[in-house]
C-alpha atoms as a PDB file:
ATOM      1  CA  MET A   1      79.356  99.781  75.485  1.00  0.00           C
ATOM      2  CA  GLY A   2      80.746 100.917  78.812  1.00  0.00           C
ATOM      3  CA  ASN A   3      82.833  98.840  81.130  1.00  0.00           C
ATOM      4  CA  GLN A   4      81.104  97.340  84.121  1.00  0.00           C
ATOM      5  CA  ARG A   5      82.856  97.516  87.439  1.00  0.00           C
ATOM      6  CA  LYS A   6      83.663  94.245  89.063  1.00  0.00           C
ATOM      7  CA  ALA A   7      82.064  93.824  92.483  1.00  0.00           C
ATOM      8  CA  TYR A   8      84.101  92.260  95.283  1.00  0.00           C
ATOM      9  CA  THR A   9      82.747  90.996  98.584  1.00  0.00           C
ATOM     10  CA  PRO A  10      84.046  92.557 101.811  1.00  0.00           C
ATOM     11  CA  GLU A  11      85.545  89.176 102.697  1.00  0.00           C
ATOM     12  CA  TYR A  12      87.474  89.056  99.423  1.00  0.00           C
ATOM     13  CA  LYS A  13      88.774  92.582  99.975  1.00  0.00           C
ATOM     14  CA  ASP A  14      89.837  91.740 103.535  1.00  0.00           C
ATOM     15  CA  GLU A  15      91.696  88.635 102.384  1.00  0.00           C
ATOM     16  CA  ALA A  16      93.441  90.516  99.566  1.00  0.00           C
ATOM     17  CA  VAL A  17      94.519  93.273 101.973  1.00  0.00           C
ATOM     18  CA  ARG A  18      95.704  90.696 104.497  1.00  0.00           C
ATOM     19  CA  LEU A  19      97.848  89.047 101.812  1.00  0.00           C
ATOM     20  CA  ALA A  20      99.353  92.369 100.772  1.00  0.00           C
ATOM     21  CA  ILE A  21     100.135  93.459 104.335  1.00  0.00           C
ATOM     22  CA  SER A  22     101.132  90.215 106.050  1.00  0.00           C
ATOM     23  CA  THR A  23     103.401  88.863 103.324  1.00  0.00           C
ATOM     24  CA  GLY A  24     105.342  92.073 102.839  1.00  0.00           C
ATOM     25  CA  ARG A  25     105.125  91.623  99.082  1.00  0.00           C
ATOM     26  CA  PRO A  26     104.476  94.668  96.907  1.00  0.00           C
ATOM     27  CA  VAL A  27     100.830  95.536  96.263  1.00  0.00           C
ATOM     28  CA  ALA A  28     101.517  95.250  92.534  1.00  0.00           C
ATOM     29  CA  THR A  29     102.677  91.640  92.914  1.00  0.00           C
ATOM     30  CA  VAL A  30      99.716  90.579  95.048  1.00  0.00           C
ATOM     31  CA  ALA A  31      97.275  92.371  92.743  1.00  0.00           C
ATOM     32  CA  ARG A  32      98.723  90.654  89.680  1.00  0.00           C
ATOM     33  CA  GLU A  33      98.502  87.243  91.384  1.00  0.00           C
ATOM     34  CA  LEU A  34      94.852  87.853  92.316  1.00  0.00           C
ATOM     35  CA  GLY A  35      93.890  89.391  88.987  1.00  0.00           C
ATOM     36  CA  ILE A  36      93.029  92.738  90.573  1.00  0.00           C
ATOM     37  CA  VAL A  37      93.984  96.147  89.220  1.00  0.00           C
ATOM     38  CA  GLU A  38      96.971  97.389  91.254  1.00  0.00           C
ATOM     39  CA  GLN A  39      95.322 100.716  92.045  1.00  0.00           C
ATOM     40  CA  THR A  40      92.215  98.951  93.350  1.00  0.00           C
ATOM     41  CA  LEU A  41      94.193  96.830  95.817  1.00  0.00           C
ATOM     42  CA  GLY A  42      96.267  99.874  96.733  1.00  0.00           C
ATOM     43  CA  ASN A  43      93.081 101.764  97.590  1.00  0.00           C
ATOM     44  CA  TRP A  44      91.871  98.885  99.764  1.00  0.00           C
ATOM     45  CA  VAL A  45      95.202  98.716 101.607  1.00  0.00           C
ATOM     46  CA  LYS A  46      95.238 102.480 102.136  1.00  0.00           C
ATOM     47  CA  ALA A  47      91.677 102.428 103.514  1.00  0.00           C
ATOM     48  CA  TYR A  48      92.593  99.537 105.819  1.00  0.00           C
ATOM     49  CA  LYS A  49      95.631 101.371 107.186  1.00  0.00           C
ATOM     50  CA  VAL A  50      93.679 104.601 107.756  1.00  0.00           C
ATOM     51  CA  GLN A  51      90.938 102.696 109.581  1.00  0.00           C
ATOM     52  CA  HIS A  52      93.325 100.707 111.753  1.00  0.00           C
ATOM     53  CA  GLU A  53      95.503 103.711 112.602  1.00  0.00           C
ATOM     54  CA  ALA A  54      92.383 105.377 113.967  1.00  0.00           C
ATOM     55  CA  ASP A  55      91.507 102.216 115.908  1.00  0.00           C
ATOM     56  CA  ALA A  56      95.028 101.891 117.290  1.00  0.00           C
ATOM     57  CA  GLY A  57      95.076 105.509 118.452  1.00  0.00           C
ATOM     58  CA  ALA A  58      92.024 105.133 120.641  1.00  0.00           C
ATOM     59  CA  LEU A  59      92.663 104.121 124.226  1.00  0.00           C
ATOM     60  CA  SER A  60      90.455 101.587 125.901  1.00  0.00           C
ATOM     61  CA  GLU A  61      88.768 102.464 129.187  1.00  0.00           C
ATOM     62  CA  THR A  62      91.379 100.392 131.042  1.00  0.00           C
ATOM     63  CA  GLU A  63      94.249 102.138 129.256  1.00  0.00           C
ATOM     64  CA  ARG A  64      92.773 105.576 130.031  1.00  0.00           C
ATOM     65  CA  SER A  65      92.384 104.596 133.672  1.00  0.00           C
ATOM     66  CA  MET A  66      95.975 103.389 133.867  1.00  0.00           C
ATOM     67  CA  ALA A  67      97.261 106.525 132.169  1.00  0.00           C
ATOM     68  CA  THR A  68      95.606 108.778 134.747  1.00  0.00           C
ATOM     69  CA  HIS A  69      97.135 106.802 137.621  1.00  0.00           C
ATOM     70  CA  VAL A  70     100.709 106.844 136.332  1.00  0.00           C
ATOM     71  CA  GLY A  71     103.134 109.204 137.800  1.00  0.00           C
END
């Protein structure tokens, strides 16, 4: 019989990523504590960072307005 993949809720993933990022502990340590495969948590953290780097790079309308008036 094949292995079934374990399904995690988005909330669970978010909390696991938050623990890994905010505590500064290695992904492997957090994954072991939560009973998650290290690579799985690593993938979630990587996806989170990619998403939030894109969010952080976008300027708000106010920031764009201020940037055009500087100088």
